[in-house]
Amino acid sequence: MFDDLPPDLDRLHTLRVWHTMWLQRIDAKIAALASRQTEEERGRRNRPAPPEWIIELGIGERRPPLQIHTGDCHMAGKRHRPVDRDEARRLLATGLKACGHCRPDSLLGITELSSNPALTAAAAR
């Protein structure tokens, strides 16, 4: 067998204690990582779905709406609020600009309103 271990009992006990301590440390680290992975997975499962539509808001006291985005558009700024489909369509019809990246006007089926200023003005009346 292996004969590279110390020949005396005291040193063998010391090695056994030392390895037991390391196994406990390793087991504790494994348990902590498993717990963290479980918690992260639970967080991913319980994360609320993004809203279907969002309005990007301007700076200032009144925070005027600037653009409409899809709920998962990464071009939307940090200042935004969710809106439902009907409000998004109404705001686009009244002339609020649609994001050129996620194209919510195309998804809502009203591209002619957001791209034609004459129709937008007529819809606002």
C-alpha atoms as a PDB file:
ATOM      1  CA  MET A   1       0.000   0.000   0.000  1.00  0.00           C
ATOM      2  CA  PHE A   2       1.055   3.612   0.421  1.00  0.00           C
ATOM      3  CA  ASP A   3       3.950   3.976   2.798  1.00  0.00           C
ATOM      4  CA  ASP A   4       4.374   7.756   2.654  1.00  0.00           C
ATOM      5  CA  LEU A   5       2.439   8.365   5.882  1.00  0.00           C
ATOM      6  CA  PRO A   6       4.167   9.048   9.189  1.00  0.00           C
ATOM      7  CA  PRO A   7       5.003   5.925  11.172  1.00  0.00           C
ATOM      8  CA  ASP A   8       3.810   7.170  14.583  1.00  0.00           C
ATOM      9  CA  LEU A   9       0.287   7.292  15.912  1.00  0.00           C
ATOM     10  CA  ASP A  10       0.360  10.931  17.119  1.00  0.00           C
ATOM     11  CA  ARG A  11       1.187  12.351  13.709  1.00  0.00           C
ATOM     12  CA  LEU A  12      -1.385  10.102  12.037  1.00  0.00           C
ATOM     13  CA  HIS A  13      -4.069  11.424  14.430  1.00  0.00           C
ATOM     14  CA  THR A  14      -2.945  14.982  13.678  1.00  0.00           C
ATOM     15  CA  LEU A  15      -3.289  14.362   9.930  1.00  0.00           C
ATOM     16  CA  ARG A  16      -6.723  12.826  10.436  1.00  0.00           C
ATOM     17  CA  VAL A  17      -7.917  15.856  12.436  1.00  0.00           C
ATOM     18  CA  TRP A  18      -6.460  18.241   9.869  1.00  0.00           C
ATOM     19  CA  HIS A  19      -8.163  16.444   6.966  1.00  0.00           C
ATOM     20  CA  THR A  20     -11.441  16.254   8.896  1.00  0.00           C
ATOM     21  CA  MET A  21     -11.336  20.031   9.414  1.00  0.00           C
ATOM     22  CA  TRP A  22     -10.738  20.550   5.697  1.00  0.00           C
ATOM     23  CA  LEU A  23     -13.604  18.219   4.788  1.00  0.00           C
ATOM     24  CA  GLN A  24     -15.897  20.197   7.102  1.00  0.00           C
ATOM     25  CA  ARG A  25     -14.824  23.463   5.429  1.00  0.00           C
ATOM     26  CA  ILE A  26     -15.371  21.983   1.975  1.00  0.00           C
ATOM     27  CA  ASP A  27     -18.781  20.573   2.973  1.00  0.00           C
ATOM     28  CA  ALA A  28     -19.815  23.954   4.414  1.00  0.00           C
ATOM     29  CA  LYS A  29     -18.772  25.717   1.197  1.00  0.00           C
ATOM     30  CA  ILE A  30     -20.680  23.169  -0.910  1.00  0.00           C
ATOM     31  CA  ALA A  31     -23.796  23.682   1.230  1.00  0.00           C
ATOM     32  CA  ALA A  32     -23.514  27.485   0.983  1.00  0.00           C
ATOM     33  CA  LEU A  33     -23.132  27.387  -2.805  1.00  0.00           C
ATOM     34  CA  ALA A  34     -26.017  24.942  -3.184  1.00  0.00           C
ATOM     35  CA  SER A  35     -28.184  27.188  -1.017  1.00  0.00           C
ATOM     36  CA  ARG A  36     -27.259  30.258  -3.071  1.00  0.00           C
ATOM     37  CA  GLN A  37     -28.020  28.469  -6.350  1.00  0.00           C
ATOM     38  CA  THR A  38     -31.388  27.355  -4.985  1.00  0.00           C
ATOM     39  CA  GLU A  39     -32.193  30.912  -3.897  1.00  0.00           C
ATOM     40  CA  GLU A  40     -31.157  32.356  -7.287  1.00  0.00           C
ATOM     41  CA  GLU A  41     -33.328  29.820  -9.097  1.00  0.00           C
ATOM     42  CA  ARG A  42     -36.265  30.654  -6.816  1.00  0.00           C
ATOM     43  CA  GLY A  43     -35.710  34.336  -7.568  1.00  0.00           C
ATOM     44  CA  ARG A  44     -35.695  33.688 -11.317  1.00  0.00           C
ATOM     45  CA  ARG A  45     -38.922  31.679 -11.077  1.00  0.00           C
ATOM     46  CA  ASN A  46     -40.683  34.259  -8.899  1.00  0.00           C
ATOM     47  CA  ARG A  47     -39.526  37.350 -10.804  1.00  0.00           C
ATOM     48  CA  PRO A  48     -42.549  39.211 -12.151  1.00  0.00           C
ATOM     49  CA  ALA A  49     -42.930  39.318 -15.907  1.00  0.00           C
ATOM     50  CA  PRO A  50     -42.002  42.623 -17.545  1.00  0.00           C
ATOM     51  CA  PRO A  51     -44.946  44.823 -18.504  1.00  0.00           C
ATOM     52  CA  GLU A  52     -46.143  44.554 -22.070  1.00  0.00           C
ATOM     53  CA  TRP A  53     -45.680  48.296 -22.748  1.00  0.00           C
ATOM     54  CA  ILE A  54     -43.838  51.112 -20.963  1.00  0.00           C
ATOM     55  CA  ILE A  55     -43.694  54.872 -21.314  1.00  0.00           C
ATOM     56  CA  GLU A  56     -40.301  56.501 -20.983  1.00  0.00           C
ATOM     57  CA  LEU A  57     -40.608  59.613 -18.841  1.00  0.00           C
ATOM     58  CA  GLY A  58     -38.711  62.885 -19.061  1.00  0.00           C
ATOM     59  CA  ILE A  59     -36.825  64.735 -16.373  1.00  0.00           C
ATOM     60  CA  GLY A  60     -38.466  67.234 -14.093  1.00  0.00           C
ATOM     61  CA  GLU A  61     -41.313  67.729 -11.733  1.00  0.00           C
ATOM     62  CA  ARG A  62     -44.054  66.690 -14.135  1.00  0.00           C
ATOM     63  CA  ARG A  63     -41.937  64.062 -15.940  1.00  0.00           C
ATOM     64  CA  PRO A  64     -43.629  64.334 -19.333  1.00  0.00           C
ATOM     65  CA  PRO A  65     -43.840  61.147 -21.438  1.00  0.00           C
ATOM     66  CA  LEU A  66     -41.172  60.942 -24.147  1.00  0.00           C
ATOM     67  CA  GLN A  67     -41.591  57.610 -25.944  1.00  0.00           C
ATOM     68  CA  ILE A  68     -43.468  54.342 -25.852  1.00  0.00           C
ATOM     69  CA  HIS A  69     -41.482  51.097 -25.699  1.00  0.00           C
ATOM     70  CA  THR A  70     -42.235  47.419 -25.443  1.00  0.00           C
ATOM     71  CA  GLY A  71     -41.837  46.193 -21.873  1.00  0.00           C
ATOM     72  CA  ASP A  72     -38.552  44.405 -22.576  1.00  0.00           C
ATOM     73  CA  CYS A  73     -36.885  47.124 -24.699  1.00  0.00           C
ATOM     74  CA  HIS A  74     -33.349  47.758 -23.502  1.00  0.00           C
ATOM     75  CA  MET A  75     -33.338  51.218 -25.079  1.00  0.00           C
ATOM     76  CA  ALA A  76     -35.876  52.551 -22.566  1.00  0.00           C
ATOM     77  CA  GLY A  77     -34.378  54.845 -19.965  1.00  0.00           C
ATOM     78  CA  LYS A  78     -34.484  54.307 -16.227  1.00  0.00           C
ATOM     79  CA  ARG A  79     -37.465  56.623 -15.789  1.00  0.00           C
ATOM     80  CA  HIS A  80     -40.514  54.771 -17.078  1.00  0.00           C
ATOM     81  CA  ARG A  81     -43.859  53.408 -16.017  1.00  0.00           C
ATOM     82  CA  PRO A  82     -45.917  50.484 -17.291  1.00  0.00           C
ATOM     83  CA  VAL A  83     -49.072  51.020 -19.331  1.00  0.00           C
ATOM     84  CA  ASP A  84     -51.645  48.653 -20.746  1.00  0.00           C
ATOM     85  CA  ARG A  85     -52.256  48.038 -24.447  1.00  0.00           C
ATOM     86  CA  ASP A  86     -55.178  50.463 -24.729  1.00  0.00           C
ATOM     87  CA  GLU A  87     -53.271  53.350 -23.138  1.00  0.00           C
ATOM     88  CA  ALA A  88     -50.248  52.659 -25.343  1.00  0.00           C
ATOM     89  CA  ARG A  89     -52.439  52.760 -28.467  1.00  0.00           C
ATOM     90  CA  ARG A  90     -54.165  55.936 -27.267  1.00  0.00           C
ATOM     91  CA  LEU A  91     -50.871  57.692 -26.567  1.00  0.00           C
ATOM     92  CA  LEU A  92     -49.441  56.715 -29.945  1.00  0.00           C
ATOM     93  CA  ALA A  93     -52.625  57.936 -31.623  1.00  0.00           C
ATOM     94  CA  THR A  94     -52.296  61.305 -29.890  1.00  0.00           C
ATOM     95  CA  GLY A  95     -48.750  61.766 -31.207  1.00  0.00           C
ATOM     96  CA  LEU A  96     -46.398  60.322 -28.615  1.00  0.00           C
ATOM     97  CA  LYS A  97     -43.251  59.064 -30.308  1.00  0.00           C
ATOM     98  CA  ALA A  98     -42.681  55.319 -30.657  1.00  0.00           C
ATOM     99  CA  CYS A  99     -39.245  53.850 -29.969  1.00  0.00           C
ATOM    100  CA  GLY A 100     -37.386  53.339 -33.223  1.00  0.00           C
ATOM    101  CA  HIS A 101     -35.685  50.250 -31.858  1.00  0.00           C
ATOM    102  CA  CYS A 102     -38.470  48.046 -30.450  1.00  0.00           C
ATOM    103  CA  ARG A 103     -41.190  49.533 -32.726  1.00  0.00           C
ATOM    104  CA  PRO A 104     -44.242  49.286 -30.444  1.00  0.00           C
ATOM    105  CA  ASP A 105     -46.315  51.057 -33.093  1.00  0.00           C
ATOM    106  CA  SER A 106     -45.775  48.122 -35.470  1.00  0.00           C
ATOM    107  CA  LEU A 107     -46.673  45.620 -32.783  1.00  0.00           C
ATOM    108  CA  LEU A 108     -49.812  47.576 -31.943  1.00  0.00           C
ATOM    109  CA  GLY A 109     -50.734  47.823 -35.622  1.00  0.00           C
ATOM    110  CA  ILE A 110     -50.816  51.618 -35.856  1.00  0.00           C
ATOM    111  CA  THR A 111     -47.659  52.481 -37.783  1.00  0.00           C
ATOM    112  CA  GLU A 112     -49.408  54.984 -40.021  1.00  0.00           C
ATOM    113  CA  LEU A 113     -50.357  57.179 -37.044  1.00  0.00           C
ATOM    114  CA  SER A 114     -46.915  57.472 -35.498  1.00  0.00           C
ATOM    115  CA  SER A 115     -45.101  58.121 -38.787  1.00  0.00           C
ATOM    116  CA  ASN A 116     -47.517  60.599 -40.400  1.00  0.00           C
ATOM    117  CA  PRO A 117     -47.795  63.949 -38.571  1.00  0.00           C
ATOM    118  CA  ALA A 118     -50.945  64.960 -40.495  1.00  0.00           C
ATOM    119  CA  LEU A 119     -52.783  61.851 -39.319  1.00  0.00           C
ATOM    120  CA  THR A 120     -51.507  62.362 -35.796  1.00  0.00           C
ATOM    121  CA  ALA A 121     -52.870  65.906 -35.725  1.00  0.00           C
ATOM    122  CA  ALA A 122     -56.196  64.719 -37.106  1.00  0.00           C
ATOM    123  CA  ALA A 123     -56.411  61.946 -34.505  1.00  0.00           C
ATOM    124  CA  ALA A 124     -55.774  64.423 -31.696  1.00  0.00           C
ATOM    125  CA  ARG A 125     -58.906  66.444 -32.559  1.00  0.00           C
END
